[in-house]
């Protein structure tokens, strides 16, 4: 049924639930997994919401974020390997998380996107946004959402 499953993770406890379910589904269907972590770019100016810092510091911070993200997807790969599932870890750099998830799913020819949703409602959803909702609305690939 599924040949490639993209699992989007942010390392949160809820996201771990999506990883577990995605790996289990891949194990049942014989699918390979693309474990994706999207890393934002460091804000470059005051108007972008950040404190002005030197470019060397920005590079160091972005490298820390990338290294941490790589360790996260490597952990998913190890978890998948223990279950007999082939996992490729991917780190994407983008400030548009939902767009990066959809783009990675297309690029890697995923049949299914698995991700978590915090289920925020009302003002919290309005203020914090919903990357999962954006993926659900704009993806042409089926999406499995776990809460």
N, C-alpha and C. Protein backbone atom coordinates (compact mmCIF):
# COMPACT_ATOMS: atom_id res chain seq x y z
N UNK A 1 0.82 -1.18 0.00
CA UNK A 1 0.00 0.00 0.00
C UNK A 1 0.87 1.26 0.00
N UNK A 2 1.72 1.44 1.02
CA UNK A 2 2.62 2.58 1.06
C UNK A 2 4.04 2.11 0.77
N UNK A 3 4.74 2.87 -0.07
CA UNK A 3 6.13 2.54 -0.39
C UNK A 3 7.10 3.47 0.35
N UNK A 4 6.71 4.75 0.49
CA UNK A 4 7.54 5.74 1.18
C UNK A 4 6.67 6.59 2.09
N UNK A 5 7.04 6.64 3.36
CA UNK A 5 6.29 7.42 4.35
C UNK A 5 7.21 8.51 4.89
N UNK A 6 6.77 9.75 4.80
CA UNK A 6 7.52 10.86 5.39
C UNK A 6 6.96 11.11 6.78
N UNK A 7 7.85 11.07 7.77
CA UNK A 7 7.46 11.37 9.15
C UNK A 7 8.11 12.70 9.54
N UNK A 8 7.28 13.70 9.78
CA UNK A 8 7.79 15.01 10.22
C UNK A 8 7.88 15.00 11.74
N UNK A 9 9.02 15.42 12.25
CA UNK A 9 9.21 15.42 13.70
C UNK A 9 9.82 16.74 14.15
N UNK A 10 9.47 17.13 15.36
CA UNK A 10 10.11 18.32 15.96
C UNK A 10 10.76 17.96 17.29
N UNK A 11 10.74 16.67 17.63
CA UNK A 11 11.39 16.21 18.86
C UNK A 11 10.50 16.29 20.09
N UNK A 12 9.30 16.83 19.96
CA UNK A 12 8.41 16.93 21.12
C UNK A 12 7.86 15.56 21.48
N UNK A 13 7.29 15.47 22.66
CA UNK A 13 6.70 14.22 23.12
C UNK A 13 5.57 13.77 22.18
N UNK A 14 4.76 14.72 21.76
CA UNK A 14 3.67 14.41 20.84
C UNK A 14 4.21 13.95 19.49
N UNK A 15 5.27 14.58 19.05
CA UNK A 15 5.89 14.21 17.79
C UNK A 15 6.46 12.79 17.85
N UNK A 16 6.93 12.39 19.02
CA UNK A 16 7.45 11.03 19.20
C UNK A 16 6.34 10.00 18.97
N UNK A 17 5.13 10.36 19.30
CA UNK A 17 3.99 9.48 19.07
C UNK A 17 3.81 9.27 17.56
N UNK A 18 3.96 10.35 16.78
CA UNK A 18 3.86 10.24 15.33
C UNK A 18 4.98 9.37 14.77
N UNK A 19 6.17 9.51 15.34
CA UNK A 19 7.30 8.68 14.90
C UNK A 19 7.01 7.21 15.16
N UNK A 20 6.54 6.89 16.36
CA UNK A 20 6.23 5.50 16.70
C UNK A 20 5.18 4.91 15.76
N UNK A 21 4.10 5.64 15.54
CA UNK A 21 3.03 5.15 14.67
C UNK A 21 3.49 5.05 13.22
N UNK A 22 4.25 6.04 12.77
CA UNK A 22 4.75 6.02 11.40
C UNK A 22 5.68 4.85 11.14
N UNK A 23 6.57 4.58 12.10
CA UNK A 23 7.49 3.44 11.96
C UNK A 23 6.73 2.12 12.01
N UNK A 24 5.74 2.03 12.87
CA UNK A 24 4.94 0.80 12.96
C UNK A 24 4.19 0.57 11.65
N UNK A 25 3.62 1.62 11.08
CA UNK A 25 2.91 1.50 9.81
C UNK A 25 3.87 1.09 8.70
N UNK A 26 5.05 1.68 8.70
CA UNK A 26 6.06 1.31 7.70
C UNK A 26 6.45 -0.16 7.84
N UNK A 27 6.58 -0.62 9.07
CA UNK A 27 6.90 -2.02 9.31
C UNK A 27 5.82 -2.95 8.79
N UNK A 28 4.57 -2.57 8.95
CA UNK A 28 3.45 -3.39 8.48
C UNK A 28 3.33 -3.42 6.96
N UNK A 29 3.66 -2.30 6.32
CA UNK A 29 3.48 -2.19 4.87
C UNK A 29 4.75 -2.43 4.08
N UNK A 30 5.88 -2.53 4.78
CA UNK A 30 7.16 -2.71 4.09
C UNK A 30 7.68 -1.43 3.45
N UNK A 31 7.17 -0.29 3.90
CA UNK A 31 7.58 1.00 3.34
C UNK A 31 8.91 1.46 3.92
N UNK A 32 9.60 2.30 3.16
CA UNK A 32 10.76 3.00 3.70
C UNK A 32 10.27 4.32 4.28
N UNK A 33 11.06 4.89 5.17
CA UNK A 33 10.66 6.12 5.87
C UNK A 33 11.66 7.23 5.60
N UNK A 34 11.13 8.42 5.42
CA UNK A 34 11.94 9.63 5.38
C UNK A 34 11.61 10.37 6.66
N UNK A 35 12.58 10.49 7.57
CA UNK A 35 12.38 11.22 8.82
C UNK A 35 12.83 12.66 8.57
N UNK A 36 11.92 13.60 8.74
CA UNK A 36 12.20 15.00 8.41
C UNK A 36 12.12 15.90 9.64
N UNK A 37 13.13 16.73 9.78
CA UNK A 37 13.13 17.80 10.79
C UNK A 37 13.41 19.10 10.06
N UNK A 38 12.53 20.06 10.22
CA UNK A 38 12.71 21.36 9.58
C UNK A 38 13.35 22.32 10.59
N UNK A 39 14.43 22.96 10.15
CA UNK A 39 15.17 23.89 11.00
C UNK A 39 14.98 25.30 10.45
N UNK A 40 14.56 26.23 11.30
CA UNK A 40 14.39 27.61 10.81
C UNK A 40 15.75 28.28 10.61
N UNK A 41 15.73 29.31 9.81
CA UNK A 41 16.93 30.13 9.66
C UNK A 41 16.94 31.14 10.81
N UNK A 42 18.11 31.53 11.24
CA UNK A 42 18.21 32.49 12.34
C UNK A 42 17.76 33.86 11.83
N UNK A 43 16.90 34.56 12.60
CA UNK A 43 16.48 35.91 12.17
C UNK A 43 17.70 36.81 12.01
N UNK A 44 17.76 37.52 10.90
CA UNK A 44 18.95 38.32 10.57
C UNK A 44 18.87 39.78 11.00
N UNK A 45 17.68 40.27 11.26
CA UNK A 45 17.59 41.69 11.62
C UNK A 45 16.56 41.90 12.71
N UNK A 46 16.57 43.08 13.25
CA UNK A 46 15.63 43.44 14.29
C UNK A 46 14.19 43.28 13.80
N UNK A 47 13.96 43.66 12.55
CA UNK A 47 12.60 43.62 12.01
C UNK A 47 12.11 42.20 11.79
N UNK A 48 12.99 41.23 11.75
CA UNK A 48 12.60 39.83 11.59
C UNK A 48 12.39 39.16 12.93
N UNK A 49 12.49 39.91 14.02
CA UNK A 49 12.20 39.36 15.33
C UNK A 49 13.41 38.89 16.11
N UNK A 50 14.58 39.20 15.65
CA UNK A 50 15.77 38.73 16.36
C UNK A 50 16.60 39.87 16.89
N UNK A 51 17.55 39.54 17.72
CA UNK A 51 18.48 40.52 18.24
C UNK A 51 19.66 40.56 17.27
N UNK A 52 20.14 41.75 16.93
CA UNK A 52 21.27 41.80 16.01
C UNK A 52 22.49 41.10 16.63
N UNK A 53 23.04 40.14 15.88
CA UNK A 53 24.23 39.43 16.32
C UNK A 53 25.21 39.37 15.15
N UNK A 54 26.45 39.07 15.48
CA UNK A 54 27.47 38.99 14.44
C UNK A 54 27.24 37.77 13.57
N UNK A 55 27.69 37.87 12.31
CA UNK A 55 27.44 36.77 11.36
C UNK A 55 28.09 35.47 11.81
N UNK A 56 29.24 35.55 12.49
CA UNK A 56 29.88 34.34 13.00
C UNK A 56 29.02 33.64 14.03
N UNK A 57 28.35 34.43 14.86
CA UNK A 57 27.44 33.85 15.86
C UNK A 57 26.23 33.22 15.20
N UNK A 58 25.72 33.88 14.16
CA UNK A 58 24.56 33.34 13.43
C UNK A 58 24.93 31.99 12.84
N UNK A 59 26.09 31.90 12.21
CA UNK A 59 26.53 30.63 11.61
C UNK A 59 26.69 29.55 12.67
N UNK A 60 27.23 29.92 13.83
CA UNK A 60 27.42 28.96 14.92
C UNK A 60 26.07 28.45 15.43
N UNK A 61 25.12 29.37 15.61
CA UNK A 61 23.79 29.00 16.09
C UNK A 61 23.07 28.11 15.08
N UNK A 62 23.13 28.49 13.80
CA UNK A 62 22.48 27.68 12.76
C UNK A 62 23.12 26.30 12.68
N UNK A 63 24.43 26.21 12.87
CA UNK A 63 25.11 24.90 12.86
C UNK A 63 24.65 24.06 14.05
N UNK A 64 24.49 24.69 15.21
CA UNK A 64 23.98 23.97 16.39
C UNK A 64 22.60 23.41 16.11
N UNK A 65 21.75 24.23 15.54
CA UNK A 65 20.39 23.79 15.21
C UNK A 65 20.42 22.63 14.22
N UNK A 66 21.25 22.75 13.19
CA UNK A 66 21.36 21.68 12.18
C UNK A 66 21.90 20.40 12.77
N UNK A 67 22.93 20.53 13.61
CA UNK A 67 23.52 19.34 14.24
C UNK A 67 22.51 18.65 15.15
N UNK A 68 21.76 19.44 15.90
CA UNK A 68 20.73 18.90 16.79
C UNK A 68 19.65 18.19 15.97
N UNK A 69 19.24 18.81 14.86
CA UNK A 69 18.22 18.21 14.00
C UNK A 69 18.73 16.91 13.38
N UNK A 70 20.00 16.90 12.97
CA UNK A 70 20.57 15.69 12.38
C UNK A 70 20.60 14.57 13.42
N UNK A 71 20.95 14.90 14.64
CA UNK A 71 20.96 13.89 15.71
C UNK A 71 19.54 13.35 15.93
N UNK A 72 18.55 14.22 15.81
CA UNK A 72 17.16 13.81 16.00
C UNK A 72 16.73 12.81 14.92
N UNK A 73 17.00 13.13 13.65
CA UNK A 73 16.59 12.21 12.58
C UNK A 73 17.45 10.95 12.57
N UNK A 74 18.70 11.05 13.02
CA UNK A 74 19.53 9.86 13.17
C UNK A 74 18.95 8.94 14.25
N UNK A 75 18.38 9.54 15.29
CA UNK A 75 17.72 8.76 16.34
C UNK A 75 16.50 8.02 15.81
N UNK A 76 15.75 8.68 14.93
CA UNK A 76 14.59 8.03 14.30
C UNK A 76 15.08 6.88 13.42
N UNK A 77 16.18 7.11 12.71
CA UNK A 77 16.75 6.05 11.85
C UNK A 77 17.18 4.85 12.68
N UNK A 78 17.78 5.09 13.83
CA UNK A 78 18.20 4.00 14.72
C UNK A 78 16.98 3.26 15.26
N UNK A 79 15.96 4.01 15.63
CA UNK A 79 14.72 3.41 16.13
C UNK A 79 14.08 2.55 15.04
N UNK A 80 14.07 3.06 13.82
CA UNK A 80 13.51 2.30 12.70
C UNK A 80 14.33 1.06 12.39
N UNK A 81 15.66 1.21 12.44
CA UNK A 81 16.54 0.08 12.18
C UNK A 81 16.30 -1.05 13.16
N UNK A 82 16.04 -0.71 14.42
CA UNK A 82 15.76 -1.72 15.44
C UNK A 82 14.46 -2.47 15.15
N UNK A 83 13.58 -1.83 14.36
CA UNK A 83 12.30 -2.46 14.00
C UNK A 83 12.33 -3.06 12.60
N UNK A 84 13.50 -3.01 11.96
CA UNK A 84 13.62 -3.56 10.61
C UNK A 84 13.10 -2.65 9.52
N UNK A 85 13.00 -1.35 9.81
CA UNK A 85 12.49 -0.37 8.85
C UNK A 85 13.65 0.48 8.35
N UNK A 86 13.74 0.65 7.05
CA UNK A 86 14.77 1.51 6.46
C UNK A 86 14.34 2.96 6.60
N UNK A 87 15.21 3.78 7.20
CA UNK A 87 14.89 5.19 7.44
C UNK A 87 16.01 6.06 6.90
N UNK A 88 15.62 7.08 6.14
CA UNK A 88 16.57 8.10 5.67
C UNK A 88 16.26 9.38 6.43
N UNK A 89 17.25 9.93 7.12
CA UNK A 89 17.07 11.17 7.86
C UNK A 89 17.34 12.38 6.98
N UNK A 90 16.44 13.36 7.03
CA UNK A 90 16.57 14.56 6.22
C UNK A 90 16.36 15.78 7.10
N UNK A 91 17.25 16.76 6.97
CA UNK A 91 17.11 18.04 7.66
C UNK A 91 16.90 19.10 6.59
N UNK A 92 15.81 19.85 6.71
CA UNK A 92 15.50 20.93 5.77
C UNK A 92 15.61 22.26 6.50
N UNK A 93 16.18 23.25 5.84
CA UNK A 93 16.27 24.60 6.42
C UNK A 93 15.23 25.48 5.75
N UNK A 94 14.28 25.95 6.56
CA UNK A 94 13.22 26.80 6.03
C UNK A 94 12.48 27.46 7.17
N UNK A 95 12.02 28.67 6.93
CA UNK A 95 11.18 29.36 7.90
C UNK A 95 9.71 28.99 7.70
N UNK A 96 9.40 28.36 6.57
CA UNK A 96 8.04 27.95 6.26
C UNK A 96 7.96 26.44 6.45
N UNK A 97 7.63 26.04 7.66
CA UNK A 97 7.69 24.63 8.04
C UNK A 97 6.75 23.77 7.20
N UNK A 98 5.50 24.16 7.11
CA UNK A 98 4.53 23.36 6.37
C UNK A 98 4.93 23.22 4.91
N UNK A 99 5.39 24.30 4.31
CA UNK A 99 5.83 24.25 2.91
C UNK A 99 7.03 23.32 2.76
N UNK A 100 7.93 23.33 3.73
CA UNK A 100 9.09 22.45 3.69
C UNK A 100 8.69 20.99 3.79
N UNK A 101 7.68 20.70 4.62
CA UNK A 101 7.19 19.33 4.75
C UNK A 101 6.59 18.85 3.43
N UNK A 102 5.74 19.68 2.84
CA UNK A 102 5.10 19.32 1.57
C UNK A 102 6.15 19.15 0.47
N UNK A 103 7.09 20.07 0.42
CA UNK A 103 8.15 20.01 -0.59
C UNK A 103 9.00 18.74 -0.44
N UNK A 104 9.36 18.41 0.79
CA UNK A 104 10.16 17.20 1.03
C UNK A 104 9.38 15.95 0.66
N UNK A 105 8.09 15.94 0.93
CA UNK A 105 7.25 14.78 0.58
C UNK A 105 7.23 14.59 -0.94
N UNK A 106 7.11 15.69 -1.68
CA UNK A 106 7.13 15.62 -3.14
C UNK A 106 8.50 15.17 -3.64
N UNK A 107 9.54 15.79 -3.11
CA UNK A 107 10.91 15.49 -3.55
C UNK A 107 11.26 14.02 -3.34
N UNK A 108 10.84 13.45 -2.23
CA UNK A 108 11.18 12.07 -1.90
C UNK A 108 10.09 11.08 -2.33
N UNK A 109 9.10 11.60 -3.07
CA UNK A 109 8.01 10.77 -3.62
C UNK A 109 7.29 9.96 -2.54
N UNK A 110 6.95 10.64 -1.46
CA UNK A 110 6.25 9.99 -0.35
C UNK A 110 4.80 9.71 -0.72
N UNK A 111 4.30 8.58 -0.26
CA UNK A 111 2.90 8.20 -0.46
C UNK A 111 2.03 8.70 0.70
N UNK A 112 2.67 9.02 1.83
CA UNK A 112 1.95 9.40 3.04
C UNK A 112 2.83 10.31 3.89
N UNK A 113 2.22 11.32 4.49
CA UNK A 113 2.90 12.18 5.45
C UNK A 113 2.31 11.86 6.82
N UNK A 114 3.18 11.61 7.81
CA UNK A 114 2.73 11.35 9.17
C UNK A 114 3.27 12.48 10.05
N UNK A 115 2.39 13.12 10.80
CA UNK A 115 2.82 14.19 11.69
C UNK A 115 1.85 14.33 12.85
N UNK A 116 2.25 15.07 13.85
CA UNK A 116 1.43 15.27 15.04
C UNK A 116 0.76 16.63 14.98
N UNK A 117 -0.31 16.75 15.76
CA UNK A 117 -0.98 18.03 15.93
C UNK A 117 -1.25 18.23 17.41
N UNK A 118 -1.00 19.44 17.88
CA UNK A 118 -1.24 19.73 19.29
C UNK A 118 -2.73 19.93 19.58
N UNK A 119 -3.52 20.10 18.53
CA UNK A 119 -4.97 20.25 18.72
C UNK A 119 -5.36 21.56 19.37
N UNK A 120 -4.57 22.61 19.14
CA UNK A 120 -4.92 23.90 19.74
C UNK A 120 -6.17 24.45 19.09
N UNK A 121 -6.95 25.18 19.89
CA UNK A 121 -8.18 25.77 19.39
C UNK A 121 -8.25 27.24 19.78
N UNK A 122 -9.14 27.94 19.13
CA UNK A 122 -9.42 29.32 19.49
C UNK A 122 -8.23 30.24 19.34
N UNK A 123 -8.03 31.08 20.34
CA UNK A 123 -7.00 32.11 20.29
C UNK A 123 -5.60 31.52 20.20
N UNK A 124 -5.34 30.41 20.92
CA UNK A 124 -4.02 29.78 20.85
C UNK A 124 -3.69 29.36 19.42
N UNK A 125 -4.67 28.77 18.72
CA UNK A 125 -4.44 28.33 17.35
C UNK A 125 -4.19 29.54 16.45
N UNK A 126 -4.95 30.61 16.68
CA UNK A 126 -4.80 31.81 15.88
C UNK A 126 -3.42 32.43 16.10
N UNK A 127 -2.97 32.51 17.34
CA UNK A 127 -1.69 33.13 17.65
C UNK A 127 -0.50 32.24 17.28
N UNK A 128 -0.60 30.94 17.55
CA UNK A 128 0.52 30.05 17.31
C UNK A 128 0.51 29.43 15.92
N UNK A 129 -0.64 29.48 15.24
CA UNK A 129 -0.74 28.90 13.91
C UNK A 129 -0.80 27.39 13.99
N UNK A 130 -0.96 26.77 12.85
CA UNK A 130 -1.01 25.33 12.81
C UNK A 130 -0.32 24.85 11.54
N UNK A 131 0.89 24.36 11.72
CA UNK A 131 1.64 23.82 10.58
C UNK A 131 0.92 22.59 10.04
N UNK A 132 0.38 21.78 10.94
CA UNK A 132 -0.33 20.56 10.52
C UNK A 132 -1.54 20.93 9.68
N UNK A 133 -2.30 21.93 10.11
CA UNK A 133 -3.48 22.36 9.35
C UNK A 133 -3.07 22.83 7.97
N UNK A 134 -1.97 23.55 7.89
CA UNK A 134 -1.48 24.04 6.60
C UNK A 134 -1.11 22.86 5.69
N UNK A 135 -0.44 21.86 6.25
CA UNK A 135 -0.08 20.68 5.45
C UNK A 135 -1.34 19.96 4.99
N UNK A 136 -2.30 19.78 5.90
CA UNK A 136 -3.57 19.13 5.53
C UNK A 136 -4.28 19.87 4.40
N UNK A 137 -4.26 21.17 4.46
CA UNK A 137 -4.98 21.99 3.49
C UNK A 137 -4.30 22.02 2.12
N UNK A 138 -2.96 22.02 2.11
CA UNK A 138 -2.24 22.24 0.86
C UNK A 138 -1.58 21.01 0.25
N UNK A 139 -1.50 19.92 0.96
CA UNK A 139 -0.85 18.72 0.44
C UNK A 139 -1.79 17.92 -0.44
N UNK A 140 -1.24 17.42 -1.54
CA UNK A 140 -1.98 16.50 -2.40
C UNK A 140 -1.66 15.06 -2.04
N UNK A 141 -0.79 14.89 -1.05
CA UNK A 141 -0.39 13.58 -0.55
C UNK A 141 -1.20 13.33 0.72
N UNK A 142 -1.72 12.12 0.93
CA UNK A 142 -2.47 11.84 2.16
C UNK A 142 -1.65 12.15 3.41
N UNK A 143 -2.33 12.63 4.46
CA UNK A 143 -1.68 13.01 5.72
C UNK A 143 -2.34 12.26 6.87
N UNK A 144 -1.53 11.59 7.67
CA UNK A 144 -2.01 10.93 8.89
C UNK A 144 -1.61 11.82 10.06
N UNK A 145 -2.60 12.31 10.80
CA UNK A 145 -2.33 13.23 11.91
C UNK A 145 -2.60 12.49 13.23
N UNK A 146 -1.63 12.60 14.14
CA UNK A 146 -1.79 11.97 15.46
C UNK A 146 -1.84 13.05 16.52
N UNK A 147 -2.70 12.81 17.54
CA UNK A 147 -2.82 13.75 18.66
C UNK A 147 -2.68 13.01 19.95
